[in-house]
PDB file of N, CA and C in Angstrom:
ATOM      1  N   UNK A   1      50.930  16.751 -28.162  1.00  0.00           N
ATOM      2  CA  UNK A   1      50.031  17.339 -27.198  1.00  0.00           C
ATOM      3  C   UNK A   1      48.839  17.944 -27.939  1.00  0.00           C
ATOM      4  N   UNK A   2      47.618  17.654 -27.458  1.00  0.00           N
ATOM      5  CA  UNK A   2      46.442  18.158 -28.154  1.00  0.00           C
ATOM      6  C   UNK A   2      46.244  19.648 -27.904  1.00  0.00           C
ATOM      7  N   UNK A   3      45.713  20.294 -28.914  1.00  0.00           N
ATOM      8  CA  UNK A   3      45.415  21.721 -28.824  1.00  0.00           C
ATOM      9  C   UNK A   3      44.131  21.911 -28.025  1.00  0.00           C
ATOM     10  N   UNK A   4      44.073  23.032 -27.308  1.00  0.00           N
ATOM     11  CA  UNK A   4      42.938  23.313 -26.431  1.00  0.00           C
ATOM     12  C   UNK A   4      42.019  24.360 -27.063  1.00  0.00           C
ATOM     13  N   UNK A   5      40.712  24.078 -26.983  1.00  0.00           N
ATOM     14  CA  UNK A   5      39.702  24.968 -27.542  1.00  0.00           C
ATOM     15  C   UNK A   5      38.716  25.356 -26.446  1.00  0.00           C
ATOM     16  N   UNK A   6      38.497  26.650 -26.274  1.00  0.00           N
ATOM     17  CA  UNK A   6      37.456  27.149 -25.388  1.00  0.00           C
ATOM     18  C   UNK A   6      36.243  27.453 -26.254  1.00  0.00           C
ATOM     19  N   UNK A   7      35.116  26.807 -25.942  1.00  0.00           N
ATOM     20  CA  UNK A   7      33.865  26.996 -26.672  1.00  0.00           C
ATOM     21  C   UNK A   7      32.943  27.830 -25.788  1.00  0.00           C
ATOM     22  N   UNK A   8      32.565  29.009 -26.270  1.00  0.00           N
ATOM     23  CA  UNK A   8      31.696  29.906 -25.505  1.00  0.00           C
ATOM     24  C   UNK A   8      30.420  30.115 -26.316  1.00  0.00           C
ATOM     25  N   UNK A   9      29.345  29.435 -25.889  1.00  0.00           N
ATOM     26  CA  UNK A   9      28.071  29.495 -26.601  1.00  0.00           C
ATOM     27  C   UNK A   9      26.950  29.167 -25.626  1.00  0.00           C
ATOM     28  N   UNK A  10      25.872  29.922 -25.673  1.00  0.00           N
ATOM     29  CA  UNK A  10      24.771  29.695 -24.740  1.00  0.00           C
ATOM     30  C   UNK A  10      23.854  28.545 -25.153  1.00  0.00           C
ATOM     31  N   UNK A  11      23.953  28.062 -26.376  1.00  0.00           N
ATOM     32  CA  UNK A  11      23.108  26.965 -26.841  1.00  0.00           C
ATOM     33  C   UNK A  11      23.743  25.627 -26.471  1.00  0.00           C
ATOM     34  N   UNK A  12      23.066  24.893 -25.593  1.00  0.00           N
ATOM     35  CA  UNK A  12      23.595  23.616 -25.121  1.00  0.00           C
ATOM     36  C   UNK A  12      23.841  22.639 -26.269  1.00  0.00           C
ATOM     37  N   UNK A  13      22.948  22.606 -27.252  1.00  0.00           N
ATOM     38  CA  UNK A  13      23.117  21.697 -28.386  1.00  0.00           C
ATOM     39  C   UNK A  13      24.381  22.022 -29.179  1.00  0.00           C
ATOM     40  N   UNK A  14      24.650  23.296 -29.370  1.00  0.00           N
ATOM     41  CA  UNK A  14      25.852  23.709 -30.111  1.00  0.00           C
ATOM     42  C   UNK A  14      27.101  23.351 -29.311  1.00  0.00           C
ATOM     43  N   UNK A  15      27.103  23.664 -28.011  1.00  0.00           N
ATOM     44  CA  UNK A  15      28.260  23.316 -27.165  1.00  0.00           C
ATOM     45  C   UNK A  15      28.525  21.814 -27.213  1.00  0.00           C
ATOM     46  N   UNK A  16      27.473  21.028 -27.076  1.00  0.00           N
ATOM     47  CA  UNK A  16      27.609  19.571 -27.071  1.00  0.00           C
ATOM     48  C   UNK A  16      28.132  19.066 -28.416  1.00  0.00           C
ATOM     49  N   UNK A  17      27.574  19.597 -29.504  1.00  0.00           N
ATOM     50  CA  UNK A  17      28.022  19.181 -30.833  1.00  0.00           C
ATOM     51  C   UNK A  17      29.495  19.540 -31.059  1.00  0.00           C
ATOM     52  N   UNK A  18      29.851  20.776 -30.737  1.00  0.00           N
ATOM     53  CA  UNK A  18      31.246  21.204 -30.923  1.00  0.00           C
ATOM     54  C   UNK A  18      32.189  20.406 -30.036  1.00  0.00           C
ATOM     55  N   UNK A  19      31.768  20.130 -28.820  1.00  0.00           N
ATOM     56  CA  UNK A  19      32.567  19.320 -27.905  1.00  0.00           C
ATOM     57  C   UNK A  19      32.857  17.960 -28.527  1.00  0.00           C
ATOM     58  N   UNK A  20      31.824  17.292 -29.038  1.00  0.00           N
ATOM     59  CA  UNK A  20      31.990  15.976 -29.666  1.00  0.00           C
ATOM     60  C   UNK A  20      32.846  16.063 -30.925  1.00  0.00           C
ATOM     61  N   UNK A  21      32.531  17.020 -31.789  1.00  0.00           N
ATOM     62  CA  UNK A  21      33.270  17.175 -33.048  1.00  0.00           C
ATOM     63  C   UNK A  21      34.754  17.393 -32.791  1.00  0.00           C
ATOM     64  N   UNK A  22      35.056  18.310 -31.892  1.00  0.00           N
ATOM     65  CA  UNK A  22      36.462  18.639 -31.652  1.00  0.00           C
ATOM     66  C   UNK A  22      37.178  17.540 -30.873  1.00  0.00           C
ATOM     67  N   UNK A  23      36.520  16.949 -29.906  1.00  0.00           N
ATOM     68  CA  UNK A  23      37.131  15.839 -29.156  1.00  0.00           C
ATOM     69  C   UNK A  23      37.434  14.671 -30.088  1.00  0.00           C
ATOM     70  N   UNK A  24      36.490  14.369 -30.978  1.00  0.00           N
ATOM     71  CA  UNK A  24      36.694  13.272 -31.941  1.00  0.00           C
ATOM     72  C   UNK A  24      37.840  13.558 -32.905  1.00  0.00           C
ATOM     73  N   UNK A  25      38.211  14.835 -33.036  1.00  0.00           N
ATOM     74  CA  UNK A  25      39.297  15.216 -33.944  1.00  0.00           C
ATOM     75  C   UNK A  25      40.569  15.603 -33.195  1.00  0.00           C
ATOM     76  N   UNK A  26      40.677  15.164 -31.941  1.00  0.00           N
ATOM     77  CA  UNK A  26      41.931  15.295 -31.206  1.00  0.00           C
ATOM     78  C   UNK A  26      42.127  16.566 -30.406  1.00  0.00           C
ATOM     79  N   UNK A  27      41.092  17.385 -30.275  1.00  0.00           N
ATOM     80  CA  UNK A  27      41.212  18.622 -29.511  1.00  0.00           C
ATOM     81  C   UNK A  27      40.712  18.412 -28.085  1.00  0.00           C
ATOM     82  N   UNK A  28      41.277  19.161 -27.162  1.00  0.00           N
ATOM     83  CA  UNK A  28      40.809  19.184 -25.779  1.00  0.00           C
ATOM     84  C   UNK A  28      39.900  20.401 -25.643  1.00  0.00           C
ATOM     85  N   UNK A  29      38.687  20.196 -25.130  1.00  0.00           N
ATOM     86  CA  UNK A  29      37.724  21.292 -25.080  1.00  0.00           C
ATOM     87  C   UNK A  29      37.358  21.696 -23.654  1.00  0.00           C
ATOM     88  N   UNK A  30      37.036  22.965 -23.518  1.00  0.00           N
ATOM     89  CA  UNK A  30      36.453  23.518 -22.299  1.00  0.00           C
ATOM     90  C   UNK A  30      35.221  24.275 -22.750  1.00  0.00           C
ATOM     91  N   UNK A  31      34.111  24.117 -22.010  1.00  0.00           N
ATOM     92  CA  UNK A  31      32.836  24.696 -22.412  1.00  0.00           C
ATOM     93  C   UNK A  31      32.398  25.794 -21.447  1.00  0.00           C
ATOM     94  N   UNK A  32      31.797  26.845 -22.008  1.00  0.00           N
ATOM     95  CA  UNK A  32      31.223  27.929 -21.213  1.00  0.00           C
ATOM     96  C   UNK A  32      29.943  28.379 -21.886  1.00  0.00           C
ATOM     97  N   UNK A  33      28.935  28.738 -21.065  1.00  0.00           N
ATOM     98  CA  UNK A  33      27.644  29.099 -21.642  1.00  0.00           C
ATOM     99  C   UNK A  33      27.418  30.595 -21.817  1.00  0.00           C
ATOM    100  N   UNK A  34      28.357  31.415 -21.409  1.00  0.00           N
ATOM    101  CA  UNK A  34      28.283  32.853 -21.689  1.00  0.00           C
ATOM    102  C   UNK A  34      29.667  33.465 -21.501  1.00  0.00           C
ATOM    103  N   UNK A  35      29.767  34.751 -21.810  1.00  0.00           N
ATOM    104  CA  UNK A  35      31.060  35.420 -21.732  1.00  0.00           C
ATOM    105  C   UNK A  35      31.650  35.466 -20.343  1.00  0.00           C
ATOM    106  N   UNK A  36      30.805  35.635 -19.324  1.00  0.00           N
ATOM    107  CA  UNK A  36      31.315  35.671 -17.951  1.00  0.00           C
ATOM    108  C   UNK A  36      31.969  34.350 -17.571  1.00  0.00           C
ATOM    109  N   UNK A  37      31.273  33.252 -17.832  1.00  0.00           N
ATOM    110  CA  UNK A  37      31.828  31.935 -17.518  1.00  0.00           C
ATOM    111  C   UNK A  37      33.057  31.662 -18.382  1.00  0.00           C
ATOM    112  N   UNK A  38      33.001  32.078 -19.625  1.00  0.00           N
ATOM    113  CA  UNK A  38      34.139  31.887 -20.523  1.00  0.00           C
ATOM    114  C   UNK A  38      35.391  32.564 -20.004  1.00  0.00           C
ATOM    115  N   UNK A  39      35.241  33.793 -19.517  1.00  0.00           N
ATOM    116  CA  UNK A  39      36.413  34.510 -19.016  1.00  0.00           C
ATOM    117  C   UNK A  39      36.939  33.884 -17.730  1.00  0.00           C
ATOM    118  N   UNK A  40      36.034  33.379 -16.882  1.00  0.00           N
ATOM    119  CA  UNK A  40      36.479  32.698 -15.663  1.00  0.00           C
ATOM    120  C   UNK A  40      37.280  31.436 -15.992  1.00  0.00           C
ATOM    121  N   UNK A  41      36.887  30.726 -17.035  1.00  0.00           N
ATOM    122  CA  UNK A  41      37.554  29.478 -17.398  1.00  0.00           C
ATOM    123  C   UNK A  41      38.815  29.696 -18.223  1.00  0.00           C
ATOM    124  N   UNK A  42      38.973  30.868 -18.765  1.00  0.00           N
ATOM    125  CA  UNK A  42      40.093  31.191 -19.647  1.00  0.00           C
ATOM    126  C   UNK A  42      41.451  30.919 -19.013  1.00  0.00           C
ATOM    127  N   UNK A  43      41.660  31.371 -17.812  1.00  0.00           N
ATOM    128  CA  UNK A  43      42.962  31.212 -17.154  1.00  0.00           C
ATOM    129  C   UNK A  43      43.262  29.757 -16.832  1.00  0.00           C
ATOM    130  N   UNK A  44      42.232  28.991 -16.493  1.00  0.00           N
ATOM    131  CA  UNK A  44      42.444  27.586 -16.140  1.00  0.00           C
ATOM    132  C   UNK A  44      42.763  26.710 -17.343  1.00  0.00           C
ATOM    133  N   UNK A  45      42.105  26.977 -18.467  1.00  0.00           N
ATOM    134  CA  UNK A  45      42.292  26.076 -19.611  1.00  0.00           C
ATOM    135  C   UNK A  45      43.382  26.539 -20.571  1.00  0.00           C
ATOM    136  N   UNK A  46      43.747  27.822 -20.531  1.00  0.00           N
ATOM    137  CA  UNK A  46      44.760  28.376 -21.435  1.00  0.00           C
ATOM    138  C   UNK A  46      44.594  27.851 -22.860  1.00  0.00           C
ATOM    139  N   UNK A  47      43.507  28.251 -23.545  1.00  0.00           N
ATOM    140  CA  UNK A  47      43.213  27.698 -24.867  1.00  0.00           C
ATOM    141  C   UNK A  47      44.163  28.185 -25.950  1.00  0.00           C
ATOM    142  N   UNK A  48      44.272  27.358 -26.983  1.00  0.00           N
ATOM    143  CA  UNK A  48      45.027  27.736 -28.178  1.00  0.00           C
ATOM    144  C   UNK A  48      44.148  28.537 -29.130  1.00  0.00           C
ATOM    145  N   UNK A  49      42.815  28.372 -28.984  1.00  0.00           N
ATOM    146  CA  UNK A  49      41.845  29.052 -29.832  1.00  0.00           C
ATOM    147  C   UNK A  49      40.509  29.110 -29.094  1.00  0.00           C
ATOM    148  N   UNK A  50      39.691  30.093 -29.456  1.00  0.00           N
ATOM    149  CA  UNK A  50      38.368  30.261 -28.847  1.00  0.00           C
ATOM    150  C   UNK A  50      37.318  30.278 -29.951  1.00  0.00           C
ATOM    151  N   UNK A  51      36.236  29.519 -29.740  1.00  0.00           N
ATOM    152  CA  UNK A  51      35.065  29.585 -30.611  1.00  0.00           C
ATOM    153  C   UNK A  51      34.006  30.346 -29.822  1.00  0.00           C
ATOM    154  N   UNK A  52      33.501  31.436 -30.403  1.00  0.00           N
ATOM    155  CA  UNK A  52      32.705  32.399 -29.650  1.00  0.00           C
ATOM    156  C   UNK A  52      31.401  32.752 -30.355  1.00  0.00           C
ATOM    157  N   UNK A  53      30.291  32.580 -29.637  1.00  0.00           N
ATOM    158  CA  UNK A  53      28.989  33.048 -30.097  1.00  0.00           C
ATOM    159  C   UNK A  53      28.885  34.536 -29.765  1.00  0.00           C
ATOM    160  N   UNK A  54      27.894  35.221 -30.339  1.00  0.00           N
ATOM    161  CA  UNK A  54      27.738  36.646 -30.059  1.00  0.00           C
ATOM    162  C   UNK A  54      26.619  36.922 -29.062  1.00  0.00           C
ATOM    163  N   UNK A  55      25.421  36.468 -29.372  1.00  0.00           N
ATOM    164  CA  UNK A  55      24.267  36.784 -28.534  1.00  0.00           C
ATOM    165  C   UNK A  55      24.162  35.743 -27.425  1.00  0.00           C
ATOM    166  N   UNK A  56      24.464  36.171 -26.190  1.00  0.00           N
ATOM    167  CA  UNK A  56      24.423  35.301 -25.017  1.00  0.00           C
ATOM    168  C   UNK A  56      23.997  36.126 -23.815  1.00  0.00           C
ATOM    169  N   UNK A  57      23.431  35.467 -22.796  1.00  0.00           N
ATOM    170  CA  UNK A  57      23.059  36.199 -21.581  1.00  0.00           C
ATOM    171  C   UNK A  57      24.298  36.572 -20.756  1.00  0.00           C
ATOM    172  N   UNK A  58      24.114  37.448 -19.802  1.00  0.00           N
ATOM    173  CA  UNK A  58      25.137  37.881 -18.835  1.00  0.00           C
ATOM    174  C   UNK A  58      26.266  38.673 -19.466  1.00  0.00           C
ATOM    175  N   UNK A  59      27.008  38.105 -20.370  1.00  0.00           N
ATOM    176  CA  UNK A  59      28.014  38.866 -21.107  1.00  0.00           C
ATOM    177  C   UNK A  59      28.026  38.347 -22.538  1.00  0.00           C
ATOM    178  N   UNK A  60      27.809  39.241 -23.481  1.00  0.00           N
ATOM    179  CA  UNK A  60      27.758  38.849 -24.887  1.00  0.00           C
ATOM    180  C   UNK A  60      29.139  38.453 -25.397  1.00  0.00           C
ATOM    181  N   UNK A  61      29.156  37.873 -26.577  1.00  0.00           N
ATOM    182  CA  UNK A  61      30.425  37.545 -27.206  1.00  0.00           C
ATOM    183  C   UNK A  61      31.256  38.774 -27.512  1.00  0.00           C
ATOM    184  N   UNK A  62      30.583  39.863 -27.852  1.00  0.00           N
ATOM    185  CA  UNK A  62      31.306  41.106 -28.135  1.00  0.00           C
ATOM    186  C   UNK A  62      31.988  41.616 -26.868  1.00  0.00           C
ATOM    187  N   UNK A  63      31.272  41.596 -25.744  1.00  0.00           N
ATOM    188  CA  UNK A  63      31.870  42.014 -24.477  1.00  0.00           C
ATOM    189  C   UNK A  63      33.040  41.134 -24.085  1.00  0.00           C
ATOM    190  N   UNK A  64      32.875  39.830 -24.245  1.00  0.00           N
ATOM    191  CA  UNK A  64      33.951  38.881 -23.967  1.00  0.00           C
ATOM    192  C   UNK A  64      35.158  39.186 -24.841  1.00  0.00           C
ATOM    193  N   UNK A  65      34.910  39.401 -26.139  1.00  0.00           N
ATOM    194  CA  UNK A  65      35.987  39.655 -27.096  1.00  0.00           C
ATOM    195  C   UNK A  65      36.753  40.928 -26.742  1.00  0.00           C
ATOM    196  N   UNK A  66      36.022  41.981 -26.418  1.00  0.00           N
ATOM    197  CA  UNK A  66      36.688  43.240 -26.053  1.00  0.00           C
ATOM    198  C   UNK A  66      37.579  43.054 -24.829  1.00  0.00           C
ATOM    199  N   UNK A  67      37.052  42.368 -23.820  1.00  0.00           N
ATOM    200  CA  UNK A  67      37.824  42.110 -22.599  1.00  0.00           C
ATOM    201  C   UNK A  67      39.050  41.238 -22.905  1.00  0.00           C
ATOM    202  N   UNK A  68      38.861  40.229 -23.750  1.00  0.00           N
ATOM    203  CA  UNK A  68      39.949  39.329 -24.137  1.00  0.00           C
ATOM    204  C   UNK A  68      41.083  40.095 -24.820  1.00  0.00           C
ATOM    205  N   UNK A  69      40.732  40.916 -25.787  1.00  0.00           N
ATOM    206  CA  UNK A  69      41.748  41.605 -26.582  1.00  0.00           C
ATOM    207  C   UNK A  69      42.433  42.734 -25.810  1.00  0.00           C
ATOM    208  N   UNK A  70      41.857  43.157 -24.702  1.00  0.00           N
ATOM    209  CA  UNK A  70      42.497  44.165 -23.855  1.00  0.00           C
ATOM    210  C   UNK A  70      43.363  43.530 -22.773  1.00  0.00           C
ATOM    211  N   UNK A  71      43.319  42.219 -22.674  1.00  0.00           N
ATOM    212  CA  UNK A  71      44.090  41.493 -21.668  1.00  0.00           C
ATOM    213  C   UNK A  71      45.461  41.122 -22.226  1.00  0.00           C
ATOM    214  N   UNK A  72      46.508  41.600 -21.593  1.00  0.00           N
ATOM    215  CA  UNK A  72      47.864  41.277 -22.039  1.00  0.00           C
ATOM    216  C   UNK A  72      48.110  39.773 -22.071  1.00  0.00           C
ATOM    217  N   UNK A  73      47.548  39.062 -21.126  1.00  0.00           N
ATOM    218  CA  UNK A  73      47.774  37.621 -21.016  1.00  0.00           C
ATOM    219  C   UNK A  73      47.041  36.815 -22.087  1.00  0.00           C
ATOM    220  N   UNK A  74      45.961  37.368 -22.654  1.00  0.00           N
ATOM    221  CA  UNK A  74      45.115  36.575 -23.542  1.00  0.00           C
ATOM    222  C   UNK A  74      44.875  37.181 -24.919  1.00  0.00           C
ATOM    223  N   UNK A  75      45.376  38.360 -25.181  1.00  0.00           N
ATOM    224  CA  UNK A  75      45.027  39.073 -26.409  1.00  0.00           C
ATOM    225  C   UNK A  75      45.475  38.394 -27.698  1.00  0.00           C
ATOM    226  N   UNK A  76      46.434  37.495 -27.618  1.00  0.00           N
ATOM    227  CA  UNK A  76      46.927  36.840 -28.831  1.00  0.00           C
ATOM    228  C   UNK A  76      46.247  35.513 -29.145  1.00  0.00           C
ATOM    229  N   UNK A  77      45.262  35.134 -28.354  1.00  0.00           N
ATOM    230  CA  UNK A  77      44.533  33.899 -28.627  1.00  0.00           C
ATOM    231  C   UNK A  77      43.607  34.143 -29.816  1.00  0.00           C
ATOM    232  N   UNK A  78      43.714  33.335 -30.878  1.00  0.00           N
ATOM    233  CA  UNK A  78      42.826  33.527 -32.029  1.00  0.00           C
ATOM    234  C   UNK A  78      41.380  33.183 -31.679  1.00  0.00           C
ATOM    235  N   UNK A  79      40.459  33.887 -32.341  1.00  0.00           N
ATOM    236  CA  UNK A  79      39.024  33.726 -32.089  1.00  0.00           C
ATOM    237  C   UNK A  79      38.296  33.457 -33.401  1.00  0.00           C
ATOM    238  N   UNK A  80      37.443  32.438 -33.365  1.00  0.00           N
ATOM    239  CA  UNK A  80      36.505  32.198 -34.459  1.00  0.00           C
ATOM    240  C   UNK A  80      35.124  32.562 -33.919  1.00  0.00           C
ATOM    241  N   UNK A  81      34.505  33.584 -34.501  1.00  0.00           N
ATOM    242  CA  UNK A  81      33.143  33.943 -34.132  1.00  0.00           C
ATOM    243  C   UNK A  81      32.222  33.024 -34.927  1.00  0.00           C
ATOM    244  N   UNK A  82      31.392  32.276 -34.200  1.00  0.00           N
ATOM    245  CA  UNK A  82      30.456  31.317 -34.797  1.00  0.00           C
ATOM    246  C   UNK A  82      29.068  31.708 -34.312  1.00  0.00           C
ATOM    247  N   UNK A  83      28.260  32.272 -35.199  1.00  0.00           N
ATOM    248  CA  UNK A  83      27.009  32.881 -34.750  1.00  0.00           C
ATOM    249  C   UNK A  83      25.878  32.696 -35.745  1.00  0.00           C
ATOM    250  N   UNK A  84      24.666  32.807 -35.242  1.00  0.00           N
ATOM    251  CA  UNK A  84      23.480  32.781 -36.079  1.00  0.00           C
ATOM    252  C   UNK A  84      23.032  34.182 -36.472  1.00  0.00           C
ATOM    253  N   UNK A  85      23.738  35.198 -36.028  1.00  0.00           N
ATOM    254  CA  UNK A  85      23.393  36.589 -36.338  1.00  0.00           C
ATOM    255  C   UNK A  85      24.000  36.953 -37.688  1.00  0.00           C
ATOM    256  N   UNK A  86      23.156  37.261 -38.655  1.00  0.00           N
ATOM    257  CA  UNK A  86      23.658  37.499 -40.008  1.00  0.00           C
ATOM    258  C   UNK A  86      24.461  38.786 -40.148  1.00  0.00           C
ATOM    259  N   UNK A  87      24.234  39.744 -39.274  1.00  0.00           N
ATOM    260  CA  UNK A  87      24.983  41.004 -39.359  1.00  0.00           C
ATOM    261  C   UNK A  87      26.079  41.052 -38.297  1.00  0.00           C
ATOM    262  N   UNK A  88      26.673  39.910 -38.002  1.00  0.00           N
ATOM    263  CA  UNK A  88      27.641  39.785 -36.907  1.00  0.00           C
ATOM    264  C   UNK A  88      28.839  40.703 -37.032  1.00  0.00           C
ATOM    265  N   UNK A  89      29.309  40.967 -38.223  1.00  0.00           N
ATOM    266  CA  UNK A  89      30.498  41.807 -38.370  1.00  0.00           C
ATOM    267  C   UNK A  89      30.256  43.230 -37.886  1.00  0.00           C
ATOM    268  N   UNK A  90      29.001  43.696 -37.965  1.00  0.00           N
ATOM    269  CA  UNK A  90      28.671  45.043 -37.487  1.00  0.00           C
ATOM    270  C   UNK A  90      28.883  45.182 -35.983  1.00  0.00           C
ATOM    271  N   UNK A  91      28.751  44.075 -35.257  1.00  0.00           N
ATOM    272  CA  UNK A  91      28.930  44.125 -33.807  1.00  0.00           C
ATOM    273  C   UNK A  91      30.353  44.549 -33.435  1.00  0.00           C
ATOM    274  N   UNK A  92      31.297  44.278 -34.304  1.00  0.00           N
ATOM    275  CA  UNK A  92      32.696  44.575 -34.009  1.00  0.00           C
ATOM    276  C   UNK A  92      33.159  45.897 -34.617  1.00  0.00           C
ATOM    277  N   UNK A  93      32.332  46.524 -35.433  1.00  0.00           N
ATOM    278  CA  UNK A  93      32.773  47.717 -36.163  1.00  0.00           C
ATOM    279  C   UNK A  93      33.075  48.901 -35.242  1.00  0.00           C
ATOM    280  N   UNK A  94      32.368  49.017 -34.115  1.00  0.00           N
ATOM    281  CA  UNK A  94      32.626  50.134 -33.212  1.00  0.00           C
ATOM    282  C   UNK A  94      33.990  50.039 -32.545  1.00  0.00           C
ATOM    283  N   UNK A  95      34.561  48.851 -32.503  1.00  0.00           N
ATOM    284  CA  UNK A  95      35.860  48.666 -31.849  1.00  0.00           C
ATOM    285  C   UNK A  95      37.004  48.546 -32.848  1.00  0.00           C
ATOM    286  N   UNK A  96      36.721  48.671 -34.125  1.00  0.00           N
ATOM    287  CA  UNK A  96      37.738  48.360 -35.124  1.00  0.00           C
ATOM    288  C   UNK A  96      38.986  49.231 -35.044  1.00  0.00           C
ATOM    289  N   UNK A  97      38.889  50.418 -34.482  1.00  0.00           N
ATOM    290  CA  UNK A  97      40.071  51.269 -34.388  1.00  0.00           C
ATOM    291  C   UNK A  97      40.954  50.920 -33.197  1.00  0.00           C
ATOM    292  N   UNK A  98      40.372  50.307 -32.167  1.00  0.00           N
ATOM    293  CA  UNK A  98      41.142  49.992 -30.971  1.00  0.00           C
ATOM    294  C   UNK A  98      41.391  48.501 -30.787  1.00  0.00           C
ATOM    295  N   UNK A  99      40.622  47.671 -31.453  1.00  0.00           N
ATOM    296  CA  UNK A  99      40.775  46.221 -31.320  1.00  0.00           C
ATOM    297  C   UNK A  99      40.871  45.566 -32.692  1.00  0.00           C
ATOM    298  N   UNK A 100      41.667  44.520 -32.796  1.00  0.00           N
ATOM    299  CA  UNK A 100      41.703  43.796 -34.069  1.00  0.00           C
ATOM    300  C   UNK A 100      40.405  43.032 -34.269  1.00  0.00           C
ATOM    301  N   UNK A 101      40.059  42.773 -35.505  1.00  0.00           N
ATOM    302  CA  UNK A 101      38.885  41.957 -35.791  1.00  0.00           C
ATOM    303  C   UNK A 101      39.206  40.503 -35.462  1.00  0.00           C
ATOM    304  N   UNK A 102      38.170  39.716 -35.154  1.00  0.00           N
ATOM    305  CA  UNK A 102      38.407  38.282 -34.936  1.00  0.00           C
ATOM    306  C   UNK A 102      39.044  37.648 -36.171  1.00  0.00           C
ATOM    307  N   UNK A 103      39.795  36.583 -35.946  1.00  0.00           N
ATOM    308  CA  UNK A 103      40.512  35.938 -37.050  1.00  0.00           C
ATOM    309  C   UNK A 103      39.568  35.335 -38.088  1.00  0.00           C
ATOM    310  N   UNK A 104      38.429  34.828 -37.639  1.00  0.00           N
ATOM    311  CA  UNK A 104      37.458  34.221 -38.557  1.00  0.00           C
ATOM    312  C   UNK A 104      36.042  34.507 -38.096  1.00  0.00           C
ATOM    313  N   UNK A 105      35.122  34.569 -39.063  1.00  0.00           N
ATOM    314  CA  UNK A 105      33.690  34.665 -38.817  1.00  0.00           C
ATOM    315  C   UNK A 105      33.014  33.509 -39.553  1.00  0.00           C
ATOM    316  N   UNK A 106      32.088  32.843 -38.879  1.00  0.00           N
ATOM    317  CA  UNK A 106      31.295  31.799 -39.529  1.00  0.00           C
ATOM    318  C   UNK A 106      29.854  31.929 -39.054  1.00  0.00           C
ATOM    319  N   UNK A 107      28.917  31.651 -39.963  1.00  0.00           N
ATOM    320  CA  UNK A 107      27.506  31.689 -39.608  1.00  0.00           C
ATOM    321  C   UNK A 107      26.987  30.288 -39.333  1.00  0.00           C
ATOM    322  N   UNK A 108      26.037  30.211 -38.383  1.00  0.00           N
ATOM    323  CA  UNK A 108      25.308  28.976 -38.140  1.00  0.00           C
ATOM    324  C   UNK A 108      24.146  28.940 -39.117  1.00  0.00           C
ATOM    325  N   UNK A 109      23.794  27.817 -39.674  1.00  0.00           N
ATOM    326  CA  UNK A 109      24.476  26.535 -39.548  1.00  0.00           C
ATOM    327  C   UNK A 109      25.808  26.574 -40.291  1.00  0.00           C
ATOM    328  N   UNK A 110      26.728  25.736 -39.861  1.00  0.00           N
ATOM    329  CA  UNK A 110      28.084  25.765 -40.388  1.00  0.00           C
ATOM    330  C   UNK A 110      28.496  24.377 -40.868  1.00  0.00           C
ATOM    331  N   UNK A 111      29.513  24.358 -41.681  1.00  0.00           N
ATOM    332  CA  UNK A 111      30.093  23.106 -42.163  1.00  0.00           C
ATOM    333  C   UNK A 111      31.165  22.659 -41.172  1.00  0.00           C
ATOM    334  N   UNK A 112      31.034  21.432 -40.691  1.00  0.00           N
ATOM    335  CA  UNK A 112      32.026  20.893 -39.754  1.00  0.00           C
ATOM    336  C   UNK A 112      33.417  20.872 -40.368  1.00  0.00           C
ATOM    337  N   UNK A 113      33.492  20.496 -41.628  1.00  0.00           N
ATOM    338  CA  UNK A 113      34.783  20.424 -42.313  1.00  0.00           C
ATOM    339  C   UNK A 113      35.422  21.805 -42.425  1.00  0.00           C
ATOM    340  N   UNK A 114      34.596  22.807 -42.740  1.00  0.00           N
ATOM    341  CA  UNK A 114      35.124  24.167 -42.851  1.00  0.00           C
ATOM    342  C   UNK A 114      35.618  24.668 -41.496  1.00  0.00           C
ATOM    343  N   UNK A 115      34.849  24.418 -40.441  1.00  0.00           N
ATOM    344  CA  UNK A 115      35.256  24.834 -39.102  1.00  0.00           C
ATOM    345  C   UNK A 115      36.561  24.152 -38.701  1.00  0.00           C
ATOM    346  N   UNK A 116      36.651  22.851 -38.896  1.00  0.00           N
ATOM    347  CA  UNK A 116      37.884  22.127 -38.557  1.00  0.00           C
ATOM    348  C   UNK A 116      39.077  22.661 -39.342  1.00  0.00           C
ATOM    349  N   UNK A 117      38.863  22.988 -40.606  1.00  0.00           N
ATOM    350  CA  UNK A 117      39.938  23.543 -41.435  1.00  0.00           C
ATOM    351  C   UNK A 117      40.415  24.900 -40.923  1.00  0.00           C
ATOM    352  N   UNK A 118      39.464  25.726 -40.495  1.00  0.00           N
ATOM    353  CA  UNK A 118      39.836  27.060 -39.972  1.00  0.00           C
ATOM    354  C   UNK A 118      40.570  26.930 -38.642  1.00  0.00           C
ATOM    355  N   UNK A 119      40.108  26.024 -37.795  1.00  0.00           N
ATOM    356  CA  UNK A 119      40.789  25.809 -36.515  1.00  0.00           C
ATOM    357  C   UNK A 119      42.215  25.336 -36.776  1.00  0.00           C
ATOM    358  N   UNK A 120      42.362  24.344 -37.616  1.00  0.00           N
ATOM    359  CA  UNK A 120      43.689  23.787 -37.925  1.00  0.00           C
ATOM    360  C   UNK A 120      44.626  24.876 -38.462  1.00  0.00           C
ATOM    361  N   UNK A 121      44.111  25.711 -39.351  1.00  0.00           N
ATOM    362  CA  UNK A 121      44.942  26.782 -39.923  1.00  0.00           C
ATOM    363  C   UNK A 121      45.387  27.791 -38.866  1.00  0.00           C
ATOM    364  N   UNK A 122      44.552  28.027 -37.869  1.00  0.00           N
ATOM    365  CA  UNK A 122      44.869  29.040 -36.857  1.00  0.00           C
ATOM    366  C   UNK A 122      45.730  28.519 -35.702  1.00  0.00           C
ATOM    367  N   UNK A 123      45.746  27.218 -35.462  1.00  0.00           N
ATOM    368  CA  UNK A 123      46.499  26.694 -34.308  1.00  0.00           C
ATOM    369  C   UNK A 123      47.800  26.008 -34.685  1.00  0.00           C
ATOM    370  N   UNK A 124      48.133  25.979 -35.964  1.00  0.00           N
ATOM    371  CA  UNK A 124      49.413  25.343 -36.334  1.00  0.00           C
ATOM    372  C   UNK A 124      50.481  26.376 -36.594  1.00  0.00           C
TER     373      UNK A 124
END
């Protein structure tokens, strides 16, 4: 059975690229363009892992992450933060005492091989 990945990113090109990359490597993907849509799709797709951007309209990746980790039903889903923001780790520092840090951080542009390796390590 293929592993499911929820991709939450406001950049259509990134969503499309990740969709193709992961589908070509045997993953089932669900796409969302911001945190609000991502959370709505979360229950339907029940992902094994989430790839999450930070800066997005409506609900940021940080807001999505906080809501995710406070949800009993979803708090154990691993998250890879994939962002173009160079100071991305600072976004999570205010929550570090009450929420765990994301399992992985990667900056855009990213290596496809490295991303696939991190996903594989987190979903097996």
